Amino acid sequence: MKLSSFGPANTTARKPETHPLTWRLRDDGDTVWLAEYESKNGYAAARKALAQMSPDEIVGAVKDAGLKGRGGAGFPTGVKWSLMPKDESQNIRYLLCNADEMEPNTWKDRLIMEQLPHLLIEGMLISARALKASTGYIFLRGEYVDSARILNRALDEARAAGLIGKNVLGSGFDFELYVHTGAGRYICGEETALINSLEGRRANPRSKPPFPAAVGVWGKPTCVNNVETLANVPAIVGDGVEWYKSLCRPGSEDHGTKLMGFSGKVKNPGVWELPFGVTARELFEDCAGGMKDGYTLKCWQPGGAGTGFLLPETLDAQMYAAGILKVGTRMGTGLAMAVDNTISMVSLLRNMEEFFARESCGWCTPCRDGLPWSVKLLRALEKGEGCPGDIEILQQLVDFLGPGKTYCAHAPGAVEPLGTALRLFRSEFEQGISATAPTRSERPAMTGVL
């Protein structure tokens, strides 16, 4: 299935002046290879950056444009770049692209890599110049077999054209870029776990500080950015900061555009490039077409399985970080999911927590032991075998695994949807309590968690 069939991302409405990420997409969903990409102004921004801009000027442009990370955390990209050492003796530096897109319900980076691979390569070339990094890696989710094949072919094209390798475009700048396929673990989306995996180590997060900008892959200064983040860089450099900032809707504190989507029992599930500040209702009704006939919207998640649930009345919230925060959760990846009226929240949360428990790296106790315990309780509630006090224990787990209480953000993201579901749909959890069940302390321990 071609990614374009996931929704009307490919329409004649896309224009260079409004859709910097997607205007080059083909209507048939096929890959845009080098010749076609260059005919659509491809690598013009890279040529400008290499010939006319210093590394500091590129960093300044990205910082002034207000580009933020598109992987879910939303950290300012220019600020992250500026943390790289200024010491010129640090001549070995690395740029890593986080393409480990394993967040459930998220496929936006795959769209770029499989249909516009040269946009990512150009973004990494410009970014590497800004960071003075001579080597880059695209750390790719292992299951993305087609993405790996397409990216490697695009890299071969770029090498043959002198766009990567030694003395890129006669500029004197050397940059080599490789695809590294991971083994398929969710935790590799955390940047220091990604670095450990790239080095051939177990994918556990590292203690910070030191941060990767000082001590990263193989102990050298390293910057890790998401696919969509890097794909924004050519437009900023090529078309200017003020134009880029003007793309968002009034009221949005985030600049530019964002790949957003909707899945679930909607009429037209898909992914679209939209300006920051568009309302969730526009995304849900105008792009996704609303719910399929016979279904009603029960609740929705704004950006992946690690974001909280929101009720239908919050659909008028603007889709940008602070806009979604105002209604009670994080924007995350911006790929939303509609939960319909036929779905049991207990079953949905049991499924989610099973995934998060399996994907825990096991490095810290709250995550390693807390998430499996939530699965035990949810399984019992789903079968109608819950004990009095189970819901209170689940709420305790939400509190114990919250932000700042675990080694990385895996567990806080895992329990955020659980916490919001307990608050908004408590009655569904209460229905799983057996009237004849003993209290949890009186019941034998349950075994066989996962």
Protein backbone atom coordinates (compact mmCIF):
# COMPACT_ATOMS: atom_id res chain seq x y z
CA MET A 1 0.00 0.00 0.00
CA LYS A 2 1.38 3.38 -0.95
CA LEU A 3 1.42 6.02 1.74
CA SER A 4 -0.62 8.39 -0.40
CA SER A 5 -3.56 6.01 -0.07
CA PHE A 6 -3.64 6.71 3.68
CA GLY A 7 -5.29 10.05 2.92
CA PRO A 8 -5.42 13.04 0.60
CA ALA A 9 -1.86 14.17 1.31
CA ASN A 10 -1.31 14.34 -2.44
CA THR A 11 -3.63 17.00 -3.83
CA THR A 12 -3.26 19.90 -6.23
CA ALA A 13 -3.77 22.27 -3.30
CA ARG A 14 -0.17 21.74 -2.21
CA LYS A 15 2.04 24.66 -3.16
CA PRO A 16 5.68 25.54 -2.46
CA GLU A 17 4.66 28.72 -0.65
CA THR A 18 2.35 26.90 1.78
CA HIS A 19 3.50 23.25 1.92
CA PRO A 20 7.31 23.17 2.22
CA LEU A 21 7.38 19.48 3.16
CA THR A 22 4.90 17.93 0.74
CA TRP A 23 4.56 20.09 -2.38
CA ARG A 24 7.00 17.88 -4.29
CA LEU A 25 5.02 14.66 -3.66
CA ARG A 26 3.83 12.77 -6.71
CA ASP A 27 0.09 12.23 -7.17
CA ASP A 28 0.70 8.52 -7.80
CA GLY A 29 2.56 8.11 -4.50
CA ASP A 30 5.79 6.93 -6.13
CA THR A 31 9.21 8.01 -4.85
CA VAL A 32 10.60 11.34 -6.05
CA TRP A 33 14.10 10.40 -7.19
CA LEU A 34 17.02 12.76 -7.71
CA ALA A 35 16.30 14.06 -11.22
CA GLU A 36 12.72 14.94 -10.38
CA TYR A 37 13.69 16.34 -6.99
CA GLU A 38 16.26 18.67 -8.54
CA SER A 39 13.73 19.75 -11.19
CA LYS A 40 11.54 20.86 -8.26
CA ASN A 41 14.22 23.12 -6.79
CA GLY A 42 15.80 20.29 -4.84
CA TYR A 43 19.25 20.89 -3.30
CA ALA A 44 19.02 24.62 -4.10
CA ALA A 45 18.96 25.35 -0.37
CA ALA A 46 21.99 23.09 0.17
CA ARG A 47 23.90 24.93 -2.54
CA LYS A 48 23.01 28.24 -0.90
CA ALA A 49 24.04 27.01 2.54
CA LEU A 50 27.39 25.68 1.34
CA ALA A 51 28.28 28.65 -0.87
CA GLN A 52 26.79 31.64 0.91
CA MET A 53 26.29 30.86 4.61
CA SER A 54 28.61 30.11 7.50
CA PRO A 55 27.73 27.34 9.95
CA ASP A 56 26.79 29.93 12.58
CA GLU A 57 24.49 31.69 10.10
CA ILE A 58 22.66 28.42 9.41
CA VAL A 59 22.26 27.77 13.14
CA GLY A 60 21.02 31.33 13.61
CA ALA A 61 18.45 30.98 10.83
CA VAL A 62 17.05 27.76 12.30
CA LYS A 63 16.96 29.32 15.74
CA ASP A 64 15.25 32.50 14.50
CA ALA A 65 12.69 30.45 12.55
CA GLY A 66 11.61 28.81 15.79
CA LEU A 67 11.90 25.27 14.44
CA LYS A 68 11.15 22.74 17.16
CA GLY A 69 11.66 19.01 17.25
CA ARG A 70 8.94 17.11 15.41
CA GLY A 71 9.46 13.77 17.10
CA GLY A 72 7.21 14.57 20.06
CA ALA A 73 9.37 16.38 22.61
CA GLY A 74 9.31 19.73 20.81
CA PHE A 75 12.72 21.04 21.95
CA PRO A 76 13.93 24.10 19.97
CA THR A 77 16.20 22.79 17.22
CA GLY A 78 18.44 25.84 16.93
CA VAL A 79 19.04 25.83 20.68
CA LYS A 80 19.95 22.14 20.53
CA TRP A 81 22.38 22.83 17.70
CA SER A 82 23.98 25.70 19.60
CA LEU A 83 24.89 23.30 22.42
CA MET A 84 27.51 21.63 20.20
CA PRO A 85 31.05 22.60 21.24
CA LYS A 86 32.49 25.79 19.81
CA ASP A 87 36.02 24.39 20.19
CA GLU A 88 37.35 23.83 16.66
CA SER A 89 39.65 21.08 17.97
CA GLN A 90 36.54 18.92 18.38
CA ASN A 91 36.81 17.99 14.74
CA ILE A 92 34.96 14.65 14.93
CA ARG A 93 31.23 15.27 15.25
CA TYR A 94 28.17 13.26 14.32
CA LEU A 95 24.66 14.03 13.13
CA LEU A 96 22.11 11.30 13.84
CA CYS A 97 18.66 11.16 12.32
CA ASN A 98 16.13 9.50 14.61
CA ALA A 99 14.02 7.46 12.17
CA ASP A 100 13.02 4.84 14.75
CA GLU A 101 9.35 5.66 14.24
CA MET A 102 7.79 3.14 16.65
CA GLU A 103 5.19 5.32 18.34
CA PRO A 104 1.90 3.46 17.79
CA ASN A 105 -0.37 5.24 15.32
CA THR A 106 2.47 7.31 13.83
CA TRP A 107 3.71 7.03 10.24
CA LYS A 108 4.63 10.58 9.24
CA ASP A 109 8.40 10.02 8.96
CA ARG A 110 7.79 7.00 6.75
CA LEU A 111 5.95 9.26 4.31
CA ILE A 112 9.04 11.47 3.93
CA MET A 113 11.56 8.65 3.74
CA GLU A 114 9.67 6.58 1.17
CA GLN A 115 8.35 9.36 -1.06
CA LEU A 116 10.81 12.24 -0.55
CA PRO A 117 14.12 10.66 0.54
CA HIS A 118 16.19 13.47 -0.97
CA LEU A 119 14.38 16.04 1.17
CA LEU A 120 15.74 14.25 4.24
CA ILE A 121 19.21 13.90 2.72
CA GLU A 122 19.30 17.60 1.82
CA GLY A 123 18.12 18.54 5.30
CA MET A 124 20.86 16.41 6.84
CA LEU A 125 23.51 17.88 4.53
CA ILE A 126 22.63 21.45 5.54
CA SER A 127 22.35 20.49 9.20
CA ALA A 128 25.70 18.72 9.14
CA ARG A 129 27.30 21.84 7.69
CA ALA A 130 25.79 23.91 10.49
CA LEU A 131 27.08 21.46 13.09
CA LYS A 132 30.45 20.91 11.36
CA ALA A 133 29.72 17.20 11.36
CA SER A 134 31.43 15.11 8.71
CA THR A 135 29.46 11.90 9.31
CA GLY A 136 25.76 11.21 9.62
CA TYR A 137 23.59 8.17 10.33
CA ILE A 138 19.92 7.59 9.66
CA PHE A 139 18.93 5.27 12.50
CA LEU A 140 15.98 3.47 10.94
CA ARG A 141 13.28 1.33 12.50
CA GLY A 142 14.07 -2.28 11.58
CA GLU A 143 10.57 -2.99 10.27
CA TYR A 144 10.83 -0.19 7.68
CA VAL A 145 12.28 -2.45 4.98
CA ASP A 146 11.00 -0.35 2.07
CA SER A 147 12.33 2.82 3.69
CA ALA A 148 15.79 1.28 3.97
CA ARG A 149 15.80 0.22 0.32
CA ILE A 150 14.61 3.63 -0.90
CA LEU A 151 16.98 5.61 1.30
CA ASN A 152 20.00 3.56 0.25
CA ARG A 153 19.15 4.02 -3.43
CA ALA A 154 18.72 7.77 -2.88
CA LEU A 155 22.10 7.90 -1.10
CA ASP A 156 23.70 6.17 -4.07
CA GLU A 157 22.19 8.82 -6.34
CA ALA A 158 23.44 11.62 -4.09
CA ARG A 159 26.98 10.17 -3.94
CA ALA A 160 27.14 9.82 -7.71
CA ALA A 161 26.05 13.45 -8.09
CA GLY A 162 28.63 14.74 -5.58
CA LEU A 163 25.94 15.76 -3.09
CA ILE A 164 27.47 13.70 -0.29
CA GLY A 165 30.99 12.42 0.15
CA LYS A 166 34.26 14.31 -0.21
CA ASN A 167 34.26 18.01 -1.14
CA VAL A 168 30.48 18.29 -1.52
CA LEU A 169 29.60 20.48 -4.51
CA GLY A 170 33.18 21.80 -4.54
CA SER A 171 32.65 23.53 -1.20
CA GLY A 172 35.50 21.85 0.66
CA PHE A 173 33.00 20.32 3.07
CA ASP A 174 33.05 16.54 3.51
CA PHE A 175 29.92 14.69 4.59
CA GLU A 176 29.25 10.98 4.48
CA LEU A 177 25.82 9.59 5.31
CA TYR A 178 24.76 6.02 6.11
CA VAL A 179 21.56 4.12 6.86
CA HIS A 180 21.73 2.04 10.05
CA THR A 181 18.84 -0.36 10.62
CA GLY A 182 17.91 -0.97 14.23
CA ALA A 183 16.64 -4.20 15.79
CA GLY A 184 13.14 -2.88 16.39
CA ARG A 185 12.81 -1.59 19.96
CA TYR A 186 10.63 1.34 20.99
CA ILE A 187 13.19 2.58 23.50
CA CYS A 188 15.57 3.43 20.62
CA GLY A 189 13.42 6.52 20.05
CA GLU A 190 15.09 7.96 23.16
CA GLU A 191 18.20 9.66 21.83
CA THR A 192 20.78 8.20 24.20
CA ALA A 193 19.31 4.69 23.85
CA LEU A 194 19.60 5.22 20.10
CA ILE A 195 23.26 6.15 20.53
CA ASN A 196 23.94 3.04 22.61
CA SER A 197 22.26 0.86 19.99
CA LEU A 198 24.24 2.47 17.18
CA GLU A 199 27.42 1.65 19.07
CA GLY A 200 26.34 -1.99 19.33
CA ARG A 201 25.37 -1.79 22.98
CA ARG A 202 22.11 -2.63 24.72
CA ALA A 203 19.58 0.10 24.01
CA ASN A 204 19.38 1.58 27.50
CA PRO A 205 19.10 5.34 28.05
CA ARG A 206 22.19 7.08 29.38
CA SER A 207 22.43 9.33 32.36
CA LYS A 208 22.36 13.03 31.47
CA PRO A 209 24.52 15.06 31.89
CA PRO A 210 26.73 14.69 29.98
CA PHE A 211 24.41 15.40 27.08
CA PRO A 212 25.06 14.00 23.59
CA ALA A 213 26.20 17.44 22.38
CA ALA A 214 29.26 16.97 24.60
CA VAL A 215 29.61 13.18 24.81
CA GLY A 216 27.58 11.29 22.24
CA VAL A 217 28.25 8.44 19.85
CA TRP A 218 31.71 6.95 20.46
CA GLY A 219 32.31 9.72 22.98
CA LYS A 220 32.19 12.50 20.39
CA PRO A 221 29.88 15.54 20.11
CA THR A 222 26.60 14.37 18.61
CA CYS A 223 23.28 15.90 17.63
CA VAL A 224 20.14 13.78 17.25
CA ASN A 225 17.15 15.13 15.31
CA ASN A 226 13.91 13.62 14.04
CA VAL A 227 13.22 12.97 10.33
CA GLU A 228 10.52 15.62 10.00
CA THR A 229 12.63 18.14 11.91
CA LEU A 230 15.53 17.77 9.49
CA ALA A 231 13.17 17.89 6.51
CA ASN A 232 12.15 21.43 7.52
CA VAL A 233 15.68 22.81 7.29
CA PRO A 234 15.91 23.24 3.47
CA ALA A 235 12.79 25.43 3.40
CA ILE A 236 14.08 27.67 6.21
CA VAL A 237 17.45 28.15 4.53
CA GLY A 238 16.09 28.41 1.00
CA ASP A 239 13.03 30.61 1.50
CA GLY A 240 13.82 32.59 4.61
CA VAL A 241 12.98 32.87 8.25
CA GLU A 242 10.12 35.38 8.05
CA TRP A 243 8.30 33.39 5.38
CA TYR A 244 8.63 30.23 7.45
CA LYS A 245 7.31 31.94 10.58
CA SER A 246 4.32 33.28 8.62
CA LEU A 247 3.06 29.79 7.75
CA CYS A 248 1.41 29.12 11.11
CA ARG A 249 -2.09 30.24 12.11
CA PRO A 250 -2.58 33.32 14.33
CA GLY A 251 -2.28 32.41 17.99
CA SER A 252 0.14 29.55 17.46
CA GLU A 253 3.38 29.76 19.39
CA ASP A 254 4.92 27.12 17.10
CA HIS A 255 6.06 28.15 13.63
CA GLY A 256 5.87 26.48 10.25
CA THR A 257 3.81 23.49 9.26
CA LYS A 258 3.40 20.02 10.70
CA LEU A 259 2.55 16.61 9.34
CA MET A 260 -0.69 15.76 11.16
CA GLY A 261 -3.07 12.87 10.81
CA PHE A 262 -6.13 11.02 12.04
CA SER A 263 -6.76 7.30 12.26
CA GLY A 264 -9.49 5.13 13.72
CA LYS A 265 -13.06 4.73 12.48
CA VAL A 266 -12.93 7.98 10.50
CA LYS A 267 -14.13 8.23 6.91
CA ASN A 268 -10.80 9.31 5.49
CA PRO A 269 -7.81 8.33 7.67
CA GLY A 270 -4.63 10.00 6.50
CA VAL A 271 -1.72 12.34 7.01
CA TRP A 272 -1.62 15.95 5.84
CA GLU A 273 0.76 18.90 6.03
CA LEU A 274 -1.09 21.64 7.91
CA PRO A 275 -0.09 24.94 9.54
CA PHE A 276 0.49 24.93 13.26
CA GLY A 277 -2.56 26.41 14.94
CA VAL A 278 -5.16 24.63 12.81
CA THR A 279 -7.90 23.31 15.08
CA ALA A 280 -8.28 19.63 15.81
CA ARG A 281 -11.84 19.93 14.53
CA GLU A 282 -10.57 21.00 11.11
CA LEU A 283 -8.20 18.06 11.09
CA PHE A 284 -10.95 15.68 12.21
CA GLU A 285 -13.86 16.96 10.11
CA ASP A 286 -12.37 18.63 7.04
CA CYS A 287 -9.41 16.31 6.47
CA ALA A 288 -10.48 13.00 8.03
CA GLY A 289 -14.16 13.46 7.17
CA GLY A 290 -15.46 12.79 10.67
CA MET A 291 -16.59 9.41 11.95
CA LYS A 292 -17.81 6.64 9.68
CA ASP A 293 -21.55 6.15 9.54
CA GLY A 294 -22.81 4.26 12.57
CA TYR A 295 -19.98 5.41 14.84
CA THR A 296 -19.64 8.37 17.19
CA LEU A 297 -16.50 9.91 18.64
CA LYS A 298 -15.97 8.84 22.24
CA CYS A 299 -12.56 10.45 22.77
CA TRP A 300 -9.32 11.06 20.91
CA GLN A 301 -5.56 11.15 21.35
CA PRO A 302 -3.70 14.06 19.72
CA GLY A 303 -0.33 12.49 18.99
CA GLY A 304 0.42 8.83 19.52
CA ALA A 305 -0.19 6.23 22.21
CA GLY A 306 1.88 8.16 24.75
CA THR A 307 -0.50 11.13 24.86
CA GLY A 308 -3.60 11.50 27.00
CA PHE A 309 -7.21 11.08 25.96
CA LEU A 310 -9.37 14.10 25.26
CA LEU A 311 -13.16 14.39 25.02
CA PRO A 312 -14.92 15.49 21.78
CA GLU A 313 -15.61 18.96 23.20
CA THR A 314 -11.87 19.71 23.08
CA LEU A 315 -11.73 19.45 19.27
CA ASP A 316 -11.70 23.23 18.94
CA ALA A 317 -8.21 23.31 20.52
CA GLN A 318 -5.45 24.55 18.25
CA MET A 319 -2.92 21.96 17.15
CA TYR A 320 0.34 23.26 18.57
CA ALA A 321 2.19 22.33 21.76
CA ALA A 322 0.74 24.92 24.14
CA GLY A 323 -2.69 24.71 22.50
CA ILE A 324 -3.06 21.03 23.29
CA LEU A 325 -1.46 21.49 26.70
CA LYS A 326 -4.29 23.89 27.55
CA VAL A 327 -6.85 21.10 27.18
CA GLY A 328 -4.94 18.59 29.26
CA THR A 329 -2.22 16.66 27.42
CA ARG A 330 0.70 16.87 24.97
CA MET A 331 0.56 17.24 21.21
CA GLY A 332 3.13 14.48 20.75
CA THR A 333 3.65 13.50 17.13
CA GLY A 334 0.47 15.22 15.89
CA LEU A 335 -0.91 11.95 14.50
CA ALA A 336 -4.27 11.69 16.23
CA MET A 337 -6.46 8.66 16.87
CA ALA A 338 -10.25 8.63 17.11
CA VAL A 339 -11.72 6.24 19.70
CA ASP A 340 -15.26 5.28 18.75
CA ASN A 341 -18.27 4.44 20.91
CA THR A 342 -17.80 0.66 20.50
CA ILE A 343 -14.38 0.61 22.19
CA SER A 344 -13.93 -0.46 25.80
CA MET A 345 -11.46 1.87 27.46
CA VAL A 346 -10.30 -0.92 29.77
CA SER A 347 -9.46 -3.16 26.80
CA LEU A 348 -7.81 -0.30 24.93
CA LEU A 349 -5.63 0.59 27.91
CA ARG A 350 -4.76 -3.06 28.53
CA ASN A 351 -3.55 -3.31 24.94
CA MET A 352 -1.53 -0.10 25.22
CA GLU A 353 0.08 -0.97 28.54
CA GLU A 354 1.02 -4.43 27.26
CA PHE A 355 2.94 -2.74 24.47
CA PHE A 356 4.67 -0.26 26.78
CA ALA A 357 5.51 -2.96 29.34
CA ARG A 358 7.09 -5.16 26.66
CA GLU A 359 9.08 -2.25 25.27
CA SER A 360 10.54 -1.15 28.63
CA CYS A 361 14.30 -1.55 28.59
CA GLY A 362 14.17 -2.66 32.23
CA TRP A 363 16.82 -0.18 33.35
CA CYS A 364 14.86 1.41 36.22
CA THR A 365 12.58 -0.26 38.76
CA PRO A 366 9.44 1.92 38.46
CA CYS A 367 9.16 1.25 34.74
CA ARG A 368 10.36 -2.37 34.80
CA ASP A 369 7.99 -3.45 37.58
CA GLY A 370 5.28 -0.81 37.50
CA LEU A 371 4.14 -1.23 33.90
CA PRO A 372 3.72 -5.04 34.15
CA TRP A 373 1.73 -4.54 37.35
CA SER A 374 -0.62 -2.18 35.49
CA VAL A 375 -1.09 -4.91 32.87
CA LYS A 376 -2.02 -7.43 35.61
CA LEU A 377 -4.65 -5.13 37.02
CA LEU A 378 -6.10 -4.16 33.65
CA ARG A 379 -6.35 -7.79 32.56
CA ALA A 380 -8.31 -8.60 35.71
CA LEU A 381 -10.61 -5.60 35.23
CA GLU A 382 -11.16 -6.53 31.58
CA LYS A 383 -12.34 -10.01 32.61
CA GLY A 384 -14.58 -8.66 35.37
CA GLU A 385 -12.29 -10.16 37.99
CA GLY A 386 -10.96 -6.94 39.50
CA CYS A 387 -10.61 -6.53 43.24
CA PRO A 388 -11.71 -3.57 45.36
CA GLY A 389 -8.80 -1.15 45.43
CA ASP A 390 -7.48 -2.05 41.96
CA ILE A 391 -8.44 1.29 40.48
CA GLU A 392 -6.72 3.09 43.33
CA ILE A 393 -3.57 1.04 42.73
CA LEU A 394 -3.67 1.98 39.04
CA GLN A 395 -3.88 5.63 40.02
CA GLN A 396 -0.92 5.16 42.35
CA LEU A 397 1.05 3.69 39.46
CA VAL A 398 0.17 6.72 37.34
CA ASP A 399 1.58 8.94 40.09
CA PHE A 400 4.66 6.80 40.82
CA LEU A 401 5.64 6.55 37.13
CA GLY A 402 5.07 10.21 36.28
CA PRO A 403 7.55 12.77 34.92
CA GLY A 404 10.81 13.02 36.83
CA LYS A 405 10.37 9.71 38.65
CA THR A 406 11.95 7.36 36.11
CA TYR A 407 15.21 7.18 34.19
CA CYS A 408 13.71 8.38 30.91
CA ALA A 409 10.35 9.46 29.50
CA HIS A 410 9.14 5.96 28.56
CA ALA A 411 7.08 5.27 31.69
CA PRO A 412 5.61 8.79 32.00
CA GLY A 413 4.41 8.51 28.41
CA ALA A 414 3.02 5.04 29.07
CA VAL A 415 0.90 6.10 32.04
CA GLU A 416 -0.34 9.42 30.64
CA PRO A 417 -3.18 7.79 28.65
CA LEU A 418 -3.96 5.55 31.62
CA GLY A 419 -4.27 8.53 33.96
CA THR A 420 -6.59 10.44 31.65
CA ALA A 421 -8.73 7.34 31.00
CA LEU A 422 -9.13 6.77 34.75
CA ARG A 423 -10.24 10.37 35.16
CA LEU A 424 -12.61 10.55 32.19
CA PHE A 425 -14.00 7.01 32.09
CA ARG A 426 -13.74 5.75 35.66
CA SER A 427 -17.13 4.04 35.49
CA GLU A 428 -15.86 1.64 32.82
CA PHE A 429 -13.05 0.57 35.13
CA GLU A 430 -15.46 0.21 38.04
CA GLN A 431 -17.55 -2.21 35.99
CA GLY A 432 -14.60 -4.60 36.06
CA ILE A 433 -14.67 -4.94 39.86
CA SER A 434 -16.19 -8.24 40.91
CA ALA A 435 -18.78 -7.97 43.65
CA THR A 436 -17.56 -11.23 45.16
CA ALA A 437 -13.83 -10.68 44.75
CA PRO A 438 -11.59 -10.52 47.80
CA THR A 439 -9.43 -7.48 48.35
CA ARG A 440 -6.12 -7.46 46.52
CA SER A 441 -4.19 -8.18 49.72
CA GLU A 442 -6.32 -11.29 50.32
CA ARG A 443 -5.93 -12.66 46.81
CA PRO A 444 -2.99 -14.86 45.71
CA ALA A 445 -0.39 -13.10 43.58
CA MET A 446 -1.05 -13.27 39.84
CA THR A 447 1.76 -14.69 37.73
CA GLY A 448 2.56 -14.67 34.05
CA VAL A 449 2.50 -10.93 33.45
CA LEU A 450 3.40 -10.78 29.78
